[in-house]
Amino acid sequence: MRTLLTEIQQIDEHVQGTAAPGEALLFEAKLLLDAELPLKVQWHKQTLGLVQQYGRKNLISIIGDVHNQLFTLPQHQSFRQKIMGLFR
């Protein structure tokens, strides 16, 4: 299990560009020697992309909810008027 976690950490450091120079060089050598490792790196990149995409969608949804609350609920009328006044 520890070996798998270490490999995932090394892949992540490679993809993120955060590995120490010596570790990065060693990982590049492993990429040449292990036929499965480049595929694992590709899957890791895709996974990170999906997580980032989900995070953006989630943030956009949260911002939309806040916007709707601030601009539709009666208790925020004073705030709305102040904001609208800035754009007149």
Protein backbone atom coordinates (compact mmCIF):
# COMPACT_ATOMS: atom_id res chain seq x y z
CA MET A 1 0.00 0.00 0.00
CA ARG A 2 2.81 2.39 0.88
CA THR A 3 4.40 1.79 -2.53
CA LEU A 4 1.16 2.74 -4.29
CA LEU A 5 0.82 5.91 -2.20
CA THR A 6 4.45 6.80 -2.90
CA GLU A 7 3.91 6.28 -6.63
CA ILE A 8 0.79 8.45 -6.60
CA GLN A 9 2.69 11.17 -4.75
CA GLN A 10 5.56 10.99 -7.25
CA ILE A 11 3.13 11.17 -10.17
CA ASP A 12 1.37 14.14 -8.59
CA GLU A 13 4.65 15.98 -7.98
CA HIS A 14 5.64 15.29 -11.60
CA VAL A 15 2.32 16.57 -12.98
CA GLN A 16 2.28 19.62 -10.69
CA GLY A 17 5.97 20.33 -11.31
CA THR A 18 6.77 20.36 -7.60
CA ALA A 19 9.31 17.53 -7.43
CA ALA A 20 12.84 18.33 -6.34
CA PRO A 21 15.26 18.37 -9.30
CA GLY A 22 16.85 15.04 -8.39
CA GLU A 23 13.48 13.39 -7.84
CA ALA A 24 12.20 14.82 -11.12
CA LEU A 25 15.16 13.34 -12.99
CA LEU A 26 14.64 9.97 -11.32
CA PHE A 27 10.95 10.04 -12.23
CA GLU A 28 11.78 10.85 -15.86
CA ALA A 29 13.99 7.74 -15.91
CA LYS A 30 11.14 5.68 -14.44
CA LEU A 31 8.87 6.95 -17.23
CA LEU A 32 11.30 5.52 -19.77
CA LEU A 33 11.64 2.17 -18.01
CA ASP A 34 8.07 1.47 -16.88
CA ALA A 35 5.67 1.03 -19.81
CA GLU A 36 2.60 1.54 -17.56
CA LEU A 37 3.80 4.71 -15.84
CA PRO A 38 3.06 7.16 -18.70
CA LEU A 39 -0.52 5.86 -18.77
CA LYS A 40 -0.81 6.37 -15.01
CA VAL A 41 0.48 9.93 -15.45
CA GLN A 42 -2.12 10.57 -18.15
CA TRP A 43 -4.93 9.24 -15.93
CA HIS A 44 -3.68 11.41 -13.07
CA LYS A 45 -3.76 14.50 -15.31
CA GLN A 46 -7.29 13.69 -16.42
CA THR A 47 -8.39 13.16 -12.82
CA LEU A 48 -6.93 16.50 -11.76
CA GLY A 49 -8.67 18.18 -14.67
CA LEU A 50 -12.02 16.70 -13.67
CA VAL A 51 -11.54 17.77 -10.05
CA GLN A 52 -10.71 21.32 -11.16
CA GLN A 53 -13.70 21.39 -13.50
CA TYR A 54 -16.00 20.19 -10.71
CA GLY A 55 -14.55 22.83 -8.38
CA ARG A 56 -15.22 25.59 -10.91
CA LYS A 57 -18.79 24.41 -11.52
CA ASN A 58 -19.40 24.17 -7.79
CA LEU A 59 -18.00 27.68 -7.22
CA ILE A 60 -20.12 29.11 -10.04
CA SER A 61 -23.18 27.47 -8.49
CA ILE A 62 -22.39 28.92 -5.06
CA ILE A 63 -21.84 32.39 -6.52
CA GLY A 64 -25.13 32.11 -8.40
CA ASP A 65 -26.95 31.14 -5.21
CA VAL A 66 -25.48 34.10 -3.33
CA HIS A 67 -26.37 36.43 -6.21
CA ASN A 68 -29.96 35.16 -6.26
CA GLN A 69 -30.30 35.59 -2.51
CA LEU A 70 -28.84 39.10 -2.48
CA PHE A 71 -30.91 40.31 -5.39
CA THR A 72 -34.24 38.60 -4.70
CA LEU A 73 -34.80 38.31 -0.94
CA PRO A 74 -36.57 41.28 0.68
CA GLN A 75 -34.15 41.50 3.62
CA HIS A 76 -31.34 42.47 1.19
CA GLN A 77 -33.19 45.36 -0.44
CA SER A 78 -30.91 48.00 1.10
CA PHE A 79 -27.82 46.17 -0.19
CA ARG A 80 -29.38 45.89 -3.66
CA GLN A 81 -30.09 49.59 -3.75
CA LYS A 82 -26.52 50.45 -2.76
CA ILE A 83 -25.07 48.16 -5.42
CA MET A 84 -27.43 49.41 -8.12
CA GLY A 85 -26.53 52.97 -7.14
CA LEU A 86 -22.89 52.25 -7.96
CA PHE A 87 -23.81 51.49 -11.57
CA ARG A 88 -26.05 54.49 -12.29
